[in-house]
Each structure stands twice: as C-alpha cells, then as structure tokens.
Amino acid sequence: MQTLVGWHIEMDFREDGARTKAAALVRLPDGTELRSHGHANRHPHDPEQERVGEELAAARALNDLARQLVGKAAHEIEDVTHMPAHPRL
C-alpha cells in the first residue's frame, strides 16, 4: 500500500540593499513547526541579481531545516530503540 504525504514549506524574503534574508517554516503532520533563516550578501562589485540572493538565502534556510529534521528523526529513533542514533544528510 502506498501512502501519499505532503509537506508545505513557507519561504519569505526581505531585501535590504545588498542583503537578502530568507525565513522558512515547515509544519509537520505531528504538529511540529520548524523555522529557519538564511541570508546572502551581494559583493559591492557584483551586479544586482535579485533572484541569486533569494536562491542563496533560501538554500541556506533549507539546509538549516534539513539539519533540524535529521535531529528530530534521531530523537524519534532513540525514543524507540533506546540507543544513540547518528543519521546523516
């Protein structure tokens, strides 16, 4: 039997000159909300490329979410097995 599960991630951006900040939020089916942030800074000599800053800031925020999810999974494994878990990305 195949089960279809979907998660939605919200990503918001703030631009301030050469700085781009991203905030990510994921709500899991168990009610857990994980939040993360990422940022990017444009070098003063680089041309303005709005999407590049968003992509880098988003990637960094999502990377942090991934680390949080691995940590959550490790705790859940340990709760059941009573053994240290060391999952990796």
C-alpha atoms as a PDB file:
ATOM      1  CA  MET A   1       0.000   0.000   0.000  1.00  0.00           C
ATOM      2  CA  GLN A   2       1.327   3.403  -0.963  1.00  0.00           C
ATOM      3  CA  THR A   3       0.665   6.439   1.219  1.00  0.00           C
ATOM      4  CA  LEU A   4       0.840   9.956  -0.140  1.00  0.00           C
ATOM      5  CA  VAL A   5       2.102  12.571   2.293  1.00  0.00           C
ATOM      6  CA  GLY A   6       2.726  16.226   1.543  1.00  0.00           C
ATOM      7  CA  TRP A   7       4.510  18.957   3.408  1.00  0.00           C
ATOM      8  CA  HIS A   8       4.308  22.623   2.597  1.00  0.00           C
ATOM      9  CA  ILE A   9       7.223  24.929   3.239  1.00  0.00           C
ATOM     10  CA  GLU A  10       6.664  28.668   3.502  1.00  0.00           C
ATOM     11  CA  MET A  11       9.543  30.871   2.422  1.00  0.00           C
ATOM     12  CA  ASP A  12       9.598  34.644   2.883  1.00  0.00           C
ATOM     13  CA  PHE A  13      12.279  37.051   1.707  1.00  0.00           C
ATOM     14  CA  ARG A  14      13.421  40.501   2.795  1.00  0.00           C
ATOM     15  CA  GLU A  15      15.714  42.568   0.630  1.00  0.00           C
ATOM     16  CA  ASP A  16      17.733  45.432   2.065  1.00  0.00           C
ATOM     17  CA  GLY A  17      20.210  46.819  -0.401  1.00  0.00           C
ATOM     18  CA  ALA A  18      22.840  44.150  -0.950  1.00  0.00           C
ATOM     19  CA  ARG A  19      21.423  41.860   1.770  1.00  0.00           C
ATOM     20  CA  THR A  20      18.768  39.211   1.279  1.00  0.00           C
ATOM     21  CA  LYS A  21      17.228  37.337   4.188  1.00  0.00           C
ATOM     22  CA  ALA A  22      15.062  34.236   3.925  1.00  0.00           C
ATOM     23  CA  ALA A  23      12.782  32.778   6.595  1.00  0.00           C
ATOM     24  CA  ALA A  24      11.475  29.228   6.164  1.00  0.00           C
ATOM     25  CA  LEU A  25       8.712  27.417   8.017  1.00  0.00           C
ATOM     26  CA  VAL A  26       7.569  23.811   7.698  1.00  0.00           C
ATOM     27  CA  ARG A  27       4.594  22.346   9.561  1.00  0.00           C
ATOM     28  CA  LEU A  28       4.825  18.594  10.039  1.00  0.00           C
ATOM     29  CA  PRO A  29       1.849  16.225  10.311  1.00  0.00           C
ATOM     30  CA  ASP A  30       2.626  15.665  14.022  1.00  0.00           C
ATOM     31  CA  GLY A  31       2.053  19.385  14.695  1.00  0.00           C
ATOM     32  CA  THR A  32       5.729  20.296  14.908  1.00  0.00           C
ATOM     33  CA  GLU A  33       6.754  23.599  13.340  1.00  0.00           C
ATOM     34  CA  LEU A  34      10.365  24.057  12.337  1.00  0.00           C
ATOM     35  CA  ARG A  35      11.701  27.506  11.456  1.00  0.00           C
ATOM     36  CA  SER A  36      14.993  28.569   9.978  1.00  0.00           C
ATOM     37  CA  HIS A  37      16.730  31.553   8.455  1.00  0.00           C
ATOM     38  CA  GLY A  38      19.312  32.113   5.775  1.00  0.00           C
ATOM     39  CA  HIS A  39      20.969  35.148   4.304  1.00  0.00           C
ATOM     40  CA  ALA A  40      23.056  36.262   1.361  1.00  0.00           C
ATOM     41  CA  ASN A  41      25.195  39.333   0.826  1.00  0.00           C
ATOM     42  CA  ARG A  42      25.978  40.718  -2.616  1.00  0.00           C
ATOM     43  CA  HIS A  43      29.547  41.836  -3.114  1.00  0.00           C
ATOM     44  CA  PRO A  44      29.663  45.604  -3.834  1.00  0.00           C
ATOM     45  CA  HIS A  45      31.275  44.997  -7.250  1.00  0.00           C
ATOM     46  CA  ASP A  46      28.712  42.388  -8.361  1.00  0.00           C
ATOM     47  CA  PRO A  47      25.719  43.394 -10.484  1.00  0.00           C
ATOM     48  CA  GLU A  48      22.263  43.310  -8.928  1.00  0.00           C
ATOM     49  CA  GLN A  49      20.676  39.906  -9.452  1.00  0.00           C
ATOM     50  CA  GLU A  50      17.713  39.727  -7.136  1.00  0.00           C
ATOM     51  CA  ARG A  51      16.979  36.026  -7.681  1.00  0.00           C
ATOM     52  CA  VAL A  52      20.544  34.938  -6.950  1.00  0.00           C
ATOM     53  CA  GLY A  53      20.362  36.418  -3.457  1.00  0.00           C
ATOM     54  CA  GLU A  54      16.985  34.768  -2.897  1.00  0.00           C
ATOM     55  CA  GLU A  55      18.281  31.410  -4.118  1.00  0.00           C
ATOM     56  CA  LEU A  56      21.334  31.514  -1.864  1.00  0.00           C
ATOM     57  CA  ALA A  57      19.380  32.707   1.182  1.00  0.00           C
ATOM     58  CA  ALA A  58      16.675  30.067   0.563  1.00  0.00           C
ATOM     59  CA  ALA A  59      19.258  27.304   0.141  1.00  0.00           C
ATOM     60  CA  ARG A  60      20.856  28.238   3.450  1.00  0.00           C
ATOM     61  CA  ALA A  61      17.485  28.325   5.228  1.00  0.00           C
ATOM     62  CA  LEU A  62      16.503  24.949   3.734  1.00  0.00           C
ATOM     63  CA  ASN A  63      19.873  23.493   4.700  1.00  0.00           C
ATOM     64  CA  ASP A  64      19.188  24.507   8.300  1.00  0.00           C
ATOM     65  CA  LEU A  65      15.706  22.940   8.090  1.00  0.00           C
ATOM     66  CA  ALA A  66      17.320  19.723   6.847  1.00  0.00           C
ATOM     67  CA  ARG A  67      19.657  19.640   9.850  1.00  0.00           C
ATOM     68  CA  GLN A  68      16.708  20.189  12.192  1.00  0.00           C
ATOM     69  CA  LEU A  69      14.738  17.366  10.545  1.00  0.00           C
ATOM     70  CA  VAL A  70      17.695  14.976  10.879  1.00  0.00           C
ATOM     71  CA  GLY A  71      17.962  15.887  14.566  1.00  0.00           C
ATOM     72  CA  LYS A  72      14.230  15.335  15.091  1.00  0.00           C
ATOM     73  CA  ALA A  73      14.432  11.961  13.357  1.00  0.00           C
ATOM     74  CA  ALA A  74      17.410  10.971  15.515  1.00  0.00           C
ATOM     75  CA  HIS A  75      15.476  11.756  18.707  1.00  0.00           C
ATOM     76  CA  GLU A  76      12.488   9.756  17.478  1.00  0.00           C
ATOM     77  CA  ILE A  77      14.713   6.768  16.635  1.00  0.00           C
ATOM     78  CA  GLU A  78      16.378   6.965  20.047  1.00  0.00           C
ATOM     79  CA  ASP A  79      12.982   7.120  21.800  1.00  0.00           C
ATOM     80  CA  VAL A  80      12.061   3.769  20.262  1.00  0.00           C
ATOM     81  CA  THR A  81      15.415   1.953  20.226  1.00  0.00           C
ATOM     82  CA  HIS A  82      16.915   3.428  23.426  1.00  0.00           C
ATOM     83  CA  MET A  83      20.189   3.537  21.512  1.00  0.00           C
ATOM     84  CA  PRO A  84      22.113   6.534  20.175  1.00  0.00           C
ATOM     85  CA  ALA A  85      21.149   7.326  16.579  1.00  0.00           C
ATOM     86  CA  HIS A  86      23.502   9.042  14.159  1.00  0.00           C
ATOM     87  CA  PRO A  87      21.598   9.696  10.924  1.00  0.00           C
ATOM     88  CA  ARG A  88      23.411  11.798   8.343  1.00  0.00           C
ATOM     89  CA  LEU A  89      22.308  14.008   5.499  1.00  0.00           C
END
